[in-house]
Amino acid sequence: MARELHVEPKEIAELTKKHGIRIDNCELGVFGSKDFGDARDDIYEKLSAKANAQKKLDCSAAWEVAQEFSLNKVGSTTKKSDIEVIYCQLGCFRTRIHHGSKS
């Protein structure tokens, strides 16, 4: 939505908070029930390279990787891995708890 409107994600975040809009089914697989398919090792390696030593990765960095692959492919890999996406660009969460293992 932010891309279509040519605005920063934080502007969408401000609008959703102001109007009490709840976001669900994260495109990166952080929360929600979407099934994105299989994890990919090549994407996992790129995400891991951007993550910190504790396997925490800023949402914006995951989006950067998605520019090369796609949100769904990055989402499937994130959701089924040990990488924790933090600091949602839309303000949905600061950190998340995820106990998965790399597939």
N, C-alpha and C. Protein backbone atom coordinates (compact mmCIF):
# COMPACT_ATOMS: atom_id res chain seq x y z
N MET A 1 0.82 -1.18 0.00
CA MET A 1 0.00 0.00 0.00
C MET A 1 0.87 1.26 0.00
N ALA A 2 1.92 1.22 0.81
CA ALA A 2 2.82 2.37 0.87
C ALA A 2 3.45 2.65 -0.48
N ARG A 3 3.86 1.58 -1.16
CA ARG A 3 4.46 1.76 -2.49
C ARG A 3 3.46 2.36 -3.47
N GLU A 4 2.24 1.83 -3.46
CA GLU A 4 1.21 2.31 -4.39
C GLU A 4 0.89 3.79 -4.17
N LEU A 5 0.94 4.21 -2.91
CA LEU A 5 0.63 5.60 -2.57
C LEU A 5 1.86 6.49 -2.59
N HIS A 6 3.03 5.90 -2.83
CA HIS A 6 4.30 6.63 -2.87
C HIS A 6 4.56 7.37 -1.56
N VAL A 7 4.36 6.63 -0.46
CA VAL A 7 4.63 7.17 0.87
C VAL A 7 5.51 6.18 1.63
N GLU A 8 6.08 6.63 2.71
CA GLU A 8 6.90 5.78 3.56
C GLU A 8 5.99 4.86 4.38
N PRO A 9 6.44 3.64 4.68
CA PRO A 9 5.64 2.74 5.51
C PRO A 9 5.23 3.36 6.83
N LYS A 10 6.10 4.21 7.41
CA LYS A 10 5.74 4.83 8.70
C LYS A 10 4.50 5.70 8.59
N GLU A 11 4.24 6.27 7.41
CA GLU A 11 3.03 7.06 7.23
C GLU A 11 1.79 6.16 7.28
N ILE A 12 1.89 4.98 6.70
CA ILE A 12 0.79 4.01 6.78
C ILE A 12 0.60 3.60 8.23
N ALA A 13 1.70 3.39 8.93
CA ALA A 13 1.63 3.01 10.34
C ALA A 13 0.88 4.06 11.16
N GLU A 14 1.19 5.31 10.92
CA GLU A 14 0.52 6.39 11.64
C GLU A 14 -0.98 6.39 11.36
N LEU A 15 -1.36 6.18 10.11
CA LEU A 15 -2.79 6.15 9.76
C LEU A 15 -3.51 4.97 10.38
N THR A 16 -2.88 3.80 10.38
CA THR A 16 -3.53 2.63 10.97
C THR A 16 -3.73 2.82 12.47
N LYS A 17 -2.74 3.38 13.13
CA LYS A 17 -2.87 3.62 14.57
C LYS A 17 -3.95 4.66 14.85
N LYS A 18 -3.95 5.73 14.08
CA LYS A 18 -4.90 6.82 14.27
C LYS A 18 -6.34 6.34 14.12
N HIS A 19 -6.57 5.43 13.17
CA HIS A 19 -7.92 4.98 12.88
C HIS A 19 -8.25 3.60 13.47
N GLY A 20 -7.35 3.08 14.30
CA GLY A 20 -7.60 1.81 14.98
C GLY A 20 -7.66 0.62 14.03
N ILE A 21 -6.93 0.67 12.95
CA ILE A 21 -6.91 -0.42 11.98
C ILE A 21 -5.87 -1.44 12.40
N ARG A 22 -6.28 -2.69 12.47
CA ARG A 22 -5.38 -3.77 12.87
C ARG A 22 -4.87 -4.48 11.61
N ILE A 23 -3.58 -4.66 11.54
CA ILE A 23 -2.97 -5.35 10.40
C ILE A 23 -2.76 -6.81 10.77
N ASP A 24 -3.12 -7.71 9.84
CA ASP A 24 -2.89 -9.13 10.08
C ASP A 24 -2.26 -9.77 8.85
N ASN A 25 -1.80 -10.97 9.03
CA ASN A 25 -1.16 -11.73 7.95
C ASN A 25 0.00 -10.98 7.30
N CYS A 26 1.02 -10.78 8.08
CA CYS A 26 2.24 -10.10 7.63
C CYS A 26 2.77 -10.72 6.34
N GLU A 27 3.15 -9.89 5.41
CA GLU A 27 3.70 -10.36 4.13
C GLU A 27 5.04 -11.07 4.29
N LEU A 28 5.72 -10.82 5.40
CA LEU A 28 7.00 -11.48 5.65
C LEU A 28 6.85 -12.70 6.55
N GLY A 29 5.61 -13.08 6.86
CA GLY A 29 5.39 -14.29 7.64
C GLY A 29 5.65 -14.15 9.13
N VAL A 30 5.80 -12.93 9.61
CA VAL A 30 6.10 -12.73 11.03
C VAL A 30 4.91 -13.11 11.90
N PHE A 31 3.71 -12.79 11.46
CA PHE A 31 2.51 -13.17 12.19
C PHE A 31 1.39 -13.41 11.18
N GLY A 32 0.36 -14.08 11.63
CA GLY A 32 -0.75 -14.42 10.75
C GLY A 32 -0.69 -15.88 10.35
N SER A 33 -1.64 -16.28 9.54
CA SER A 33 -1.76 -17.70 9.21
C SER A 33 -1.48 -18.02 7.74
N LYS A 34 -0.97 -17.08 6.98
CA LYS A 34 -0.65 -17.35 5.58
C LYS A 34 0.39 -18.46 5.47
N ASP A 35 0.20 -19.34 4.49
CA ASP A 35 1.20 -20.35 4.20
C ASP A 35 1.90 -19.93 2.91
N PHE A 36 3.17 -19.67 3.01
CA PHE A 36 3.92 -19.13 1.89
C PHE A 36 4.66 -20.18 1.07
N GLY A 37 4.69 -21.41 1.53
CA GLY A 37 5.44 -22.42 0.81
C GLY A 37 6.74 -22.75 1.52
N ASP A 38 7.65 -23.33 0.77
CA ASP A 38 8.91 -23.81 1.33
C ASP A 38 9.93 -22.70 1.54
N ALA A 39 10.79 -22.91 2.52
CA ALA A 39 11.92 -22.02 2.76
C ALA A 39 12.98 -22.28 1.69
N ARG A 40 13.78 -21.27 1.41
CA ARG A 40 14.85 -21.41 0.42
C ARG A 40 16.19 -21.09 1.07
N ASP A 41 17.16 -21.97 0.83
CA ASP A 41 18.48 -21.79 1.42
C ASP A 41 19.17 -20.52 0.93
N ASP A 42 19.04 -20.19 -0.35
CA ASP A 42 19.71 -18.99 -0.87
C ASP A 42 19.16 -17.72 -0.22
N ILE A 43 17.87 -17.69 0.03
CA ILE A 43 17.26 -16.53 0.70
C ILE A 43 17.68 -16.51 2.17
N TYR A 44 17.69 -17.68 2.80
CA TYR A 44 18.11 -17.77 4.20
C TYR A 44 19.52 -17.20 4.37
N GLU A 45 20.42 -17.53 3.46
CA GLU A 45 21.79 -17.04 3.54
C GLU A 45 21.83 -15.51 3.44
N LYS A 46 21.05 -14.92 2.55
CA LYS A 46 21.02 -13.46 2.42
C LYS A 46 20.43 -12.80 3.66
N LEU A 47 19.37 -13.40 4.20
CA LEU A 47 18.76 -12.85 5.42
C LEU A 47 19.73 -12.96 6.59
N SER A 48 20.39 -14.10 6.71
CA SER A 48 21.35 -14.32 7.79
C SER A 48 22.49 -13.32 7.73
N ALA A 49 22.93 -12.99 6.53
CA ALA A 49 24.03 -12.04 6.37
C ALA A 49 23.64 -10.64 6.86
N LYS A 50 22.36 -10.32 6.81
CA LYS A 50 21.88 -9.00 7.25
C LYS A 50 21.47 -9.01 8.73
N ALA A 51 21.27 -10.19 9.29
CA ALA A 51 20.84 -10.31 10.68
C ALA A 51 22.02 -10.11 11.63
N ASN A 52 21.71 -9.80 12.89
CA ASN A 52 22.78 -9.66 13.88
C ASN A 52 23.16 -11.04 14.42
N ALA A 53 24.08 -11.07 15.35
CA ALA A 53 24.60 -12.33 15.89
C ALA A 53 23.52 -13.17 16.57
N GLN A 54 22.46 -12.52 17.04
CA GLN A 54 21.36 -13.23 17.70
C GLN A 54 20.28 -13.65 16.70
N LYS A 55 20.57 -13.54 15.41
CA LYS A 55 19.64 -13.89 14.33
C LYS A 55 18.41 -12.99 14.31
N LYS A 56 18.59 -11.73 14.72
CA LYS A 56 17.51 -10.75 14.67
C LYS A 56 17.73 -9.85 13.45
N LEU A 57 16.67 -9.59 12.72
CA LEU A 57 16.74 -8.88 11.46
C LEU A 57 15.68 -7.80 11.41
N ASP A 58 16.08 -6.57 11.14
CA ASP A 58 15.09 -5.50 10.99
C ASP A 58 14.17 -5.79 9.81
N CYS A 59 12.91 -5.47 9.97
CA CYS A 59 11.92 -5.64 8.91
C CYS A 59 12.39 -4.98 7.61
N SER A 60 12.95 -3.79 7.72
CA SER A 60 13.38 -3.07 6.52
C SER A 60 14.47 -3.85 5.77
N ALA A 61 15.32 -4.57 6.49
CA ALA A 61 16.36 -5.37 5.84
C ALA A 61 15.74 -6.57 5.13
N ALA A 62 14.72 -7.16 5.72
CA ALA A 62 14.02 -8.27 5.06
C ALA A 62 13.36 -7.78 3.77
N TRP A 63 12.81 -6.59 3.81
CA TRP A 63 12.20 -6.00 2.60
C TRP A 63 13.25 -5.77 1.52
N GLU A 64 14.46 -5.40 1.92
CA GLU A 64 15.54 -5.23 0.94
C GLU A 64 15.81 -6.54 0.21
N VAL A 65 15.87 -7.63 0.95
CA VAL A 65 16.09 -8.94 0.34
C VAL A 65 14.90 -9.30 -0.55
N ALA A 66 13.71 -8.93 -0.14
CA ALA A 66 12.51 -9.21 -0.93
C ALA A 66 12.53 -8.50 -2.28
N GLN A 67 13.26 -7.42 -2.39
CA GLN A 67 13.37 -6.73 -3.68
C GLN A 67 14.02 -7.64 -4.71
N GLU A 68 14.90 -8.51 -4.27
CA GLU A 68 15.59 -9.43 -5.17
C GLU A 68 14.75 -10.69 -5.46
N PHE A 69 13.97 -11.13 -4.49
CA PHE A 69 13.23 -12.38 -4.62
C PHE A 69 11.73 -12.11 -4.72
N SER A 70 11.08 -11.91 -3.62
CA SER A 70 9.67 -11.51 -3.52
C SER A 70 9.31 -11.55 -2.04
N LEU A 71 8.25 -10.84 -1.68
CA LEU A 71 7.82 -10.86 -0.29
C LEU A 71 7.41 -12.26 0.14
N ASN A 72 6.68 -12.96 -0.72
CA ASN A 72 6.23 -14.30 -0.35
C ASN A 72 7.39 -15.27 -0.15
N LYS A 73 8.40 -15.21 -1.01
CA LYS A 73 9.53 -16.12 -0.88
C LYS A 73 10.36 -15.79 0.36
N VAL A 74 10.55 -14.51 0.62
CA VAL A 74 11.26 -14.12 1.84
C VAL A 74 10.40 -14.46 3.05
N GLY A 75 9.10 -14.26 2.95
CA GLY A 75 8.18 -14.60 4.03
C GLY A 75 8.22 -16.08 4.38
N SER A 76 8.22 -16.94 3.36
CA SER A 76 8.25 -18.38 3.63
C SER A 76 9.54 -18.77 4.32
N THR A 77 10.63 -18.19 3.90
CA THR A 77 11.92 -18.51 4.50
C THR A 77 12.00 -17.98 5.93
N THR A 78 11.53 -16.76 6.14
CA THR A 78 11.54 -16.17 7.48
C THR A 78 10.67 -16.98 8.44
N LYS A 79 9.47 -17.30 7.99
CA LYS A 79 8.51 -17.99 8.87
C LYS A 79 9.01 -19.37 9.28
N LYS A 80 9.78 -19.99 8.43
CA LYS A 80 10.24 -21.36 8.69
C LYS A 80 11.71 -21.42 9.08
N SER A 81 12.21 -20.34 9.66
CA SER A 81 13.62 -20.30 10.02
C SER A 81 13.80 -19.86 11.47
N ASP A 82 15.05 -19.74 11.86
CA ASP A 82 15.39 -19.28 13.20
C ASP A 82 15.66 -17.77 13.24
N ILE A 83 15.37 -17.09 12.15
CA ILE A 83 15.57 -15.65 12.08
C ILE A 83 14.34 -14.95 12.67
N GLU A 84 14.60 -13.98 13.52
CA GLU A 84 13.52 -13.20 14.15
C GLU A 84 13.48 -11.82 13.53
N VAL A 85 12.36 -11.49 12.90
CA VAL A 85 12.19 -10.16 12.32
C VAL A 85 11.76 -9.21 13.43
N ILE A 86 12.43 -8.06 13.51
CA ILE A 86 12.12 -7.08 14.56
C ILE A 86 11.87 -5.72 13.93
N TYR A 87 11.31 -4.83 14.70
CA TYR A 87 11.06 -3.43 14.32
C TYR A 87 10.26 -3.31 13.02
N CYS A 88 9.03 -3.76 13.09
CA CYS A 88 8.10 -3.68 11.96
C CYS A 88 8.04 -2.25 11.44
N GLN A 89 8.13 -2.10 10.12
CA GLN A 89 8.06 -0.79 9.50
C GLN A 89 6.69 -0.14 9.68
N LEU A 90 5.68 -0.96 9.89
CA LEU A 90 4.32 -0.43 10.07
C LEU A 90 3.96 -0.28 11.54
N GLY A 91 4.88 -0.59 12.41
CA GLY A 91 4.62 -0.43 13.84
C GLY A 91 3.76 -1.51 14.45
N CYS A 92 3.60 -2.64 13.77
CA CYS A 92 2.77 -3.72 14.31
C CYS A 92 3.41 -4.36 15.54
N PHE A 93 4.73 -4.35 15.60
CA PHE A 93 5.45 -4.92 16.73
C PHE A 93 6.86 -4.34 16.75
N ARG A 94 7.50 -4.45 17.89
CA ARG A 94 8.92 -4.07 17.99
C ARG A 94 9.76 -5.33 17.83
N THR A 95 9.40 -6.39 18.55
CA THR A 95 10.09 -7.67 18.40
C THR A 95 9.03 -8.74 18.31
N ARG A 96 9.43 -9.93 17.93
CA ARG A 96 8.50 -11.04 17.91
C ARG A 96 9.17 -12.24 18.54
N ILE A 97 8.38 -13.18 18.99
CA ILE A 97 8.92 -14.41 19.53
C ILE A 97 8.65 -15.50 18.50
N HIS A 98 9.69 -16.16 18.05
CA HIS A 98 9.55 -17.18 17.03
C HIS A 98 10.51 -18.32 17.36
N HIS A 99 9.98 -19.49 17.51
CA HIS A 99 10.81 -20.62 17.83
C HIS A 99 10.71 -21.64 16.71
N GLY A 100 11.39 -21.37 15.62
CA GLY A 100 11.40 -22.30 14.50
C GLY A 100 12.80 -22.80 14.29
N SER A 101 12.91 -23.63 13.30
CA SER A 101 14.25 -24.07 12.93
C SER A 101 14.36 -24.04 11.42
N LYS A 102 15.55 -23.80 10.96
CA LYS A 102 15.78 -23.70 9.52
C LYS A 102 15.39 -25.01 8.86
N SER A 103 14.57 -24.91 7.84
CA SER A 103 14.13 -26.11 7.11
C SER A 103 15.10 -26.44 6.02
